[in-house]
Structure formats: structure tokens, C-alpha cells
C-alpha atoms as a PDB file:
ATOM      1  CA  UNK A   1       5.775 -25.818 -14.815  1.00  0.00           C
ATOM      2  CA  UNK A   2       2.335 -24.299 -15.293  1.00  0.00           C
ATOM      3  CA  UNK A   3       1.957 -24.045 -11.532  1.00  0.00           C
ATOM      4  CA  UNK A   4       5.179 -22.049 -11.186  1.00  0.00           C
ATOM      5  CA  UNK A   5       4.087 -19.676 -13.932  1.00  0.00           C
ATOM      6  CA  UNK A   6       0.680 -19.300 -12.292  1.00  0.00           C
ATOM      7  CA  UNK A   7       2.372 -18.528  -8.972  1.00  0.00           C
ATOM      8  CA  UNK A   8       4.688 -15.960 -10.540  1.00  0.00           C
ATOM      9  CA  UNK A   9       1.849 -14.115 -12.300  1.00  0.00           C
ATOM     10  CA  UNK A  10      -0.474 -14.243  -9.287  1.00  0.00           C
ATOM     11  CA  UNK A  11       2.283 -12.991  -6.956  1.00  0.00           C
ATOM     12  CA  UNK A  12       3.122 -10.104  -9.271  1.00  0.00           C
ATOM     13  CA  UNK A  13      -0.536  -9.086  -9.588  1.00  0.00           C
ATOM     14  CA  UNK A  14      -1.106  -9.397  -5.838  1.00  0.00           C
ATOM     15  CA  UNK A  15       2.027  -7.362  -5.097  1.00  0.00           C
ATOM     16  CA  UNK A  16       0.999  -4.554  -7.415  1.00  0.00           C
ATOM     17  CA  UNK A  17      -2.668  -4.515  -6.455  1.00  0.00           C
ATOM     18  CA  UNK A  18      -2.238  -4.995  -2.722  1.00  0.00           C
ATOM     19  CA  UNK A  19       0.599  -2.539  -2.278  1.00  0.00           C
ATOM     20  CA  UNK A  20      -1.141   0.187  -4.261  1.00  0.00           C
ATOM     21  CA  UNK A  21      -4.455  -0.252  -2.434  1.00  0.00           C
ATOM     22  CA  UNK A  22      -2.657  -0.145   0.891  1.00  0.00           C
ATOM     23  CA  UNK A  23      -0.704   2.937  -0.170  1.00  0.00           C
ATOM     24  CA  UNK A  24      -3.939   4.806  -0.852  1.00  0.00           C
ATOM     25  CA  UNK A  25      -5.284   3.889   2.577  1.00  0.00           C
ATOM     26  CA  UNK A  26      -2.110   4.666   4.535  1.00  0.00           C
ATOM     27  CA  UNK A  27      -1.463   7.947   2.733  1.00  0.00           C
ATOM     28  CA  UNK A  28      -5.079   8.956   3.339  1.00  0.00           C
ATOM     29  CA  UNK A  29      -4.834   8.177   7.042  1.00  0.00           C
ATOM     30  CA  UNK A  30      -1.336   9.522   7.709  1.00  0.00           C
ATOM     31  CA  UNK A  31      -1.124  12.612   5.523  1.00  0.00           C
ATOM     32  CA  UNK A  32      -2.081  15.926   7.047  1.00  0.00           C
ATOM     33  CA  UNK A  33      -2.700  19.165   5.158  1.00  0.00           C
ATOM     34  CA  UNK A  34       0.443  21.249   4.804  1.00  0.00           C
ATOM     35  CA  UNK A  35       0.741  24.552   6.597  1.00  0.00           C
ATOM     36  CA  UNK A  36       1.453  27.503   4.349  1.00  0.00           C
ATOM     37  CA  UNK A  37       2.494  31.001   5.339  1.00  0.00           C
ATOM     38  CA  UNK A  38       0.111  33.303   3.497  1.00  0.00           C
ATOM     39  CA  UNK A  39       1.142  36.861   2.614  1.00  0.00           C
ATOM     40  CA  UNK A  40      -2.262  38.293   3.637  1.00  0.00           C
ATOM     41  CA  UNK A  41      -5.583  37.323   5.220  1.00  0.00           C
ATOM     42  CA  UNK A  42      -7.457  36.771   1.948  1.00  0.00           C
ATOM     43  CA  UNK A  43      -4.865  34.290   0.682  1.00  0.00           C
ATOM     44  CA  UNK A  44      -4.893  32.524   4.070  1.00  0.00           C
ATOM     45  CA  UNK A  45      -8.686  32.229   3.879  1.00  0.00           C
ATOM     46  CA  UNK A  46      -8.578  30.784   0.355  1.00  0.00           C
ATOM     47  CA  UNK A  47      -5.843  28.320   1.327  1.00  0.00           C
ATOM     48  CA  UNK A  48      -7.786  27.248   4.414  1.00  0.00           C
ATOM     49  CA  UNK A  49     -10.930  26.705   2.305  1.00  0.00           C
ATOM     50  CA  UNK A  50      -8.999  24.632  -0.258  1.00  0.00           C
ATOM     51  CA  UNK A  51      -7.341  22.635   2.515  1.00  0.00           C
ATOM     52  CA  UNK A  52     -10.744  21.733   3.992  1.00  0.00           C
ATOM     53  CA  UNK A  53     -12.051  20.795   0.549  1.00  0.00           C
ATOM     54  CA  UNK A  54      -9.031  18.590  -0.118  1.00  0.00           C
ATOM     55  CA  UNK A  55      -9.405  16.947   3.304  1.00  0.00           C
ATOM     56  CA  UNK A  56     -13.017  16.017   2.501  1.00  0.00           C
ATOM     57  CA  UNK A  57     -11.933  14.584  -0.852  1.00  0.00           C
ATOM     58  CA  UNK A  58      -9.112  12.729   0.839  1.00  0.00           C
ATOM     59  CA  UNK A  59     -11.561  11.190   3.325  1.00  0.00           C
ATOM     60  CA  UNK A  60     -13.855   9.994   0.517  1.00  0.00           C
ATOM     61  CA  UNK A  61     -10.888   8.556  -1.403  1.00  0.00           C
ATOM     62  CA  UNK A  62      -9.637   6.747   1.708  1.00  0.00           C
ATOM     63  CA  UNK A  63     -13.065   5.234   2.403  1.00  0.00           C
ATOM     64  CA  UNK A  64     -13.378   4.090  -1.216  1.00  0.00           C
ATOM     65  CA  UNK A  65      -9.903   2.559  -0.990  1.00  0.00           C
ATOM     66  CA  UNK A  66     -10.902   0.653   2.145  1.00  0.00           C
ATOM     67  CA  UNK A  67     -14.009  -0.674   0.395  1.00  0.00           C
ATOM     68  CA  UNK A  68     -12.035  -1.715  -2.698  1.00  0.00           C
ATOM     69  CA  UNK A  69      -9.444  -3.453  -0.506  1.00  0.00           C
ATOM     70  CA  UNK A  70     -12.160  -5.328   1.378  1.00  0.00           C
ATOM     71  CA  UNK A  71     -13.737  -6.375  -1.930  1.00  0.00           C
ATOM     72  CA  UNK A  72     -10.317  -7.504  -3.214  1.00  0.00           C
ATOM     73  CA  UNK A  73      -9.699  -9.675  -0.156  1.00  0.00           C
ATOM     74  CA  UNK A  74     -13.233 -11.073  -0.299  1.00  0.00           C
ATOM     75  CA  UNK A  75     -12.770 -11.934  -3.990  1.00  0.00           C
ATOM     76  CA  UNK A  76      -9.543 -13.769  -3.184  1.00  0.00           C
ATOM     77  CA  UNK A  77     -11.405 -15.781  -0.557  1.00  0.00           C
ATOM     78  CA  UNK A  78     -14.524 -16.398  -2.642  1.00  0.00           C
ATOM     79  CA  UNK A  79     -12.803 -17.458  -5.854  1.00  0.00           C
ATOM     80  CA  UNK A  80      -9.758 -19.214  -4.330  1.00  0.00           C
ATOM     81  CA  UNK A  81      -9.093 -19.889  -0.661  1.00  0.00           C
ATOM     82  CA  UNK A  82      -8.145 -18.406   2.685  1.00  0.00           C
ATOM     83  CA  UNK A  83      -4.424 -19.017   2.114  1.00  0.00           C
ATOM     84  CA  UNK A  84      -4.421 -16.639  -0.825  1.00  0.00           C
ATOM     85  CA  UNK A  85      -6.159 -14.037   1.361  1.00  0.00           C
ATOM     86  CA  UNK A  86      -3.458 -14.480   3.996  1.00  0.00           C
ATOM     87  CA  UNK A  87      -0.781 -14.040   1.327  1.00  0.00           C
ATOM     88  CA  UNK A  88      -2.519 -10.873   0.113  1.00  0.00           C
ATOM     89  CA  UNK A  89      -2.681  -9.484   3.645  1.00  0.00           C
ATOM     90  CA  UNK A  90       0.999 -10.298   4.203  1.00  0.00           C
ATOM     91  CA  UNK A  91       1.889  -8.499   0.961  1.00  0.00           C
ATOM     92  CA  UNK A  92       0.023  -5.431   2.192  1.00  0.00           C
ATOM     93  CA  UNK A  93       1.036  -5.412   5.860  1.00  0.00           C
ATOM     94  CA  UNK A  94       4.698  -6.048   5.149  1.00  0.00           C
ATOM     95  CA  UNK A  95       4.785  -2.922   2.993  1.00  0.00           C
ATOM     96  CA  UNK A  96       3.663  -0.579   5.811  1.00  0.00           C
ATOM     97  CA  UNK A  97       7.129   0.178   7.325  1.00  0.00           C
ATOM     98  CA  UNK A  98       8.627   1.132   3.956  1.00  0.00           C
ATOM     99  CA  UNK A  99       5.556   3.165   3.055  1.00  0.00           C
ATOM    100  CA  UNK A 100       5.675   5.103   6.333  1.00  0.00           C
ATOM    101  CA  UNK A 101       9.389   5.707   5.737  1.00  0.00           C
ATOM    102  CA  UNK A 102       8.612   7.139   2.283  1.00  0.00           C
ATOM    103  CA  UNK A 103       5.861   9.357   3.688  1.00  0.00           C
ATOM    104  CA  UNK A 104       8.101  10.705   6.467  1.00  0.00           C
ATOM    105  CA  UNK A 105      10.871  11.477   3.968  1.00  0.00           C
ATOM    106  CA  UNK A 106       8.349  12.975   1.506  1.00  0.00           C
ATOM    107  CA  UNK A 107       9.620  10.733  -1.283  1.00  0.00           C
ATOM    108  CA  UNK A 108       7.264  10.794  -4.228  1.00  0.00           C
ATOM    109  CA  UNK A 109       6.394   7.618  -6.096  1.00  0.00           C
ATOM    110  CA  UNK A 110       7.950   8.676  -9.398  1.00  0.00           C
ATOM    111  CA  UNK A 111      11.154  10.094  -7.873  1.00  0.00           C
ATOM    112  CA  UNK A 112      13.400   7.037  -8.224  1.00  0.00           C
ATOM    113  CA  UNK A 113      16.606   8.994  -7.651  1.00  0.00           C
ATOM    114  CA  UNK A 114      15.470  10.185  -4.213  1.00  0.00           C
ATOM    115  CA  UNK A 115      14.221   6.701  -3.362  1.00  0.00           C
ATOM    116  CA  UNK A 116      17.524   4.993  -4.212  1.00  0.00           C
ATOM    117  CA  UNK A 117      19.842   7.634  -2.723  1.00  0.00           C
ATOM    118  CA  UNK A 118      18.030   8.065   0.612  1.00  0.00           C
ATOM    119  CA  UNK A 119      19.378   6.185   3.613  1.00  0.00           C
ATOM    120  CA  UNK A 120      16.979   3.300   4.094  1.00  0.00           C
ATOM    121  CA  UNK A 121      16.059   1.989   7.535  1.00  0.00           C
ATOM    122  CA  UNK A 122      17.436  -1.407   8.484  1.00  0.00           C
ATOM    123  CA  UNK A 123      15.845  -2.018  11.852  1.00  0.00           C
ATOM    124  CA  UNK A 124      14.407  -5.393  12.849  1.00  0.00           C
ATOM    125  CA  UNK A 125      10.830  -4.404  11.908  1.00  0.00           C
ATOM    126  CA  UNK A 126      11.889  -3.352   8.433  1.00  0.00           C
ATOM    127  CA  UNK A 127      13.938  -6.520   7.889  1.00  0.00           C
ATOM    128  CA  UNK A 128      11.109  -8.796   9.083  1.00  0.00           C
ATOM    129  CA  UNK A 129       8.672  -6.941   6.812  1.00  0.00           C
ATOM    130  CA  UNK A 130      10.974  -7.350   3.794  1.00  0.00           C
ATOM    131  CA  UNK A 131      11.493 -11.066   4.509  1.00  0.00           C
ATOM    132  CA  UNK A 132       7.737 -11.610   4.840  1.00  0.00           C
ATOM    133  CA  UNK A 133       7.111  -9.678   1.634  1.00  0.00           C
ATOM    134  CA  UNK A 134       9.520 -11.814  -0.376  1.00  0.00           C
ATOM    135  CA  UNK A 135       8.436 -15.110   1.220  1.00  0.00           C
ATOM    136  CA  UNK A 136       4.758 -14.501   0.485  1.00  0.00           C
ATOM    137  CA  UNK A 137       5.011 -15.998  -3.031  1.00  0.00           C
ATOM    138  CA  UNK A 138       5.630 -19.341  -1.305  1.00  0.00           C
ATOM    139  CA  UNK A 139       2.231 -19.011   0.339  1.00  0.00           C
ATOM    140  CA  UNK A 140       0.742 -18.069  -3.029  1.00  0.00           C
ATOM    141  CA  UNK A 141       2.287 -21.221  -4.503  1.00  0.00           C
ATOM    142  CA  UNK A 142       0.870 -23.283  -1.642  1.00  0.00           C
ATOM    143  CA  UNK A 143      -2.617 -21.820  -2.045  1.00  0.00           C
ATOM    144  CA  UNK A 144      -2.716 -22.158  -5.851  1.00  0.00           C
ATOM    145  CA  UNK A 145      -0.849 -25.410  -6.412  1.00  0.00           C
ATOM    146  CA  UNK A 146      -1.210 -27.518  -3.276  1.00  0.00           C
ATOM    147  CA  UNK A 147      -4.556 -26.471  -1.796  1.00  0.00           C
ATOM    148  CA  UNK A 148      -6.438 -25.824  -5.055  1.00  0.00           C
ATOM    149  CA  UNK A 149      -7.278 -28.907  -7.119  1.00  0.00           C
END
């Protein structure tokens, strides 16, 4: 019973941590600065300057997110085992199709109404990703309860 509880808690933490770290990386890589029609040249210059400044900040944030993700995966390997790392990678990689769909539709994280009412993709890649995402707790169970003494 303790093993099932440990698996449930570890899976929930890995889902939240892995998906959010991956979201920072993917949004940093995929997002491009928006184009804005400025009413005059001075406003266009200010907007261009702010866009460059935000791009530099975005690059730093993306690099920090990559480093934190690498440290997270290394910690999973160092303190537990490689199977937990594989489960963490599956949690993250299986979220990519849905995350790219949200970015293309410009659905914000807090906008639950737009997320639930939008037509979701149901192609084979999306279905395989969802199945992998929800089967990953089995690998977490295996790594915590079977492989770890």
C-alpha cells in the first residue's frame, strides 16, 4: 500500500515539475516576438527596442530552464535510478504535441474555458503521446517499487 502511495505522489510531482520545465523550454524556443503596427516611427522604434530586450530575457530564461531540467533529470538518476529518469523524460516528451497545439492556438495557461472549448487534435501522434503520458506512472511504480530496494 505504501508503494502505491509513493508511486502516486512521485508521479504527480514528476508530472507537474516535468511538464512545467518543458513548457518553459518549448515556449522559449517556439515563441517569436509579435509584430505590431505602430502609429509613428518613434513608437515603432520603442517597440523594436523592447522586443529585442524581451528576446534577450527570453533567451536567458530558456537557457536557465534547460539547466534546471538537466539538473532535475540528473537528480532523478543520482538519487534513484535510470528508470525514473526515463519516466520523467516520457512525461516531458509526451506533452510536446499538446503544448505546441496550445501555442499555435494562443491558449493561455489560466484560460480554462478556451482550453476546454477548443477543438483538440486527435491524430495518431497526439493519441500516442497521451497514452504514453498516462502509462508513465507504471514505469514510476516499477522504478520505485520493483527496482529500488
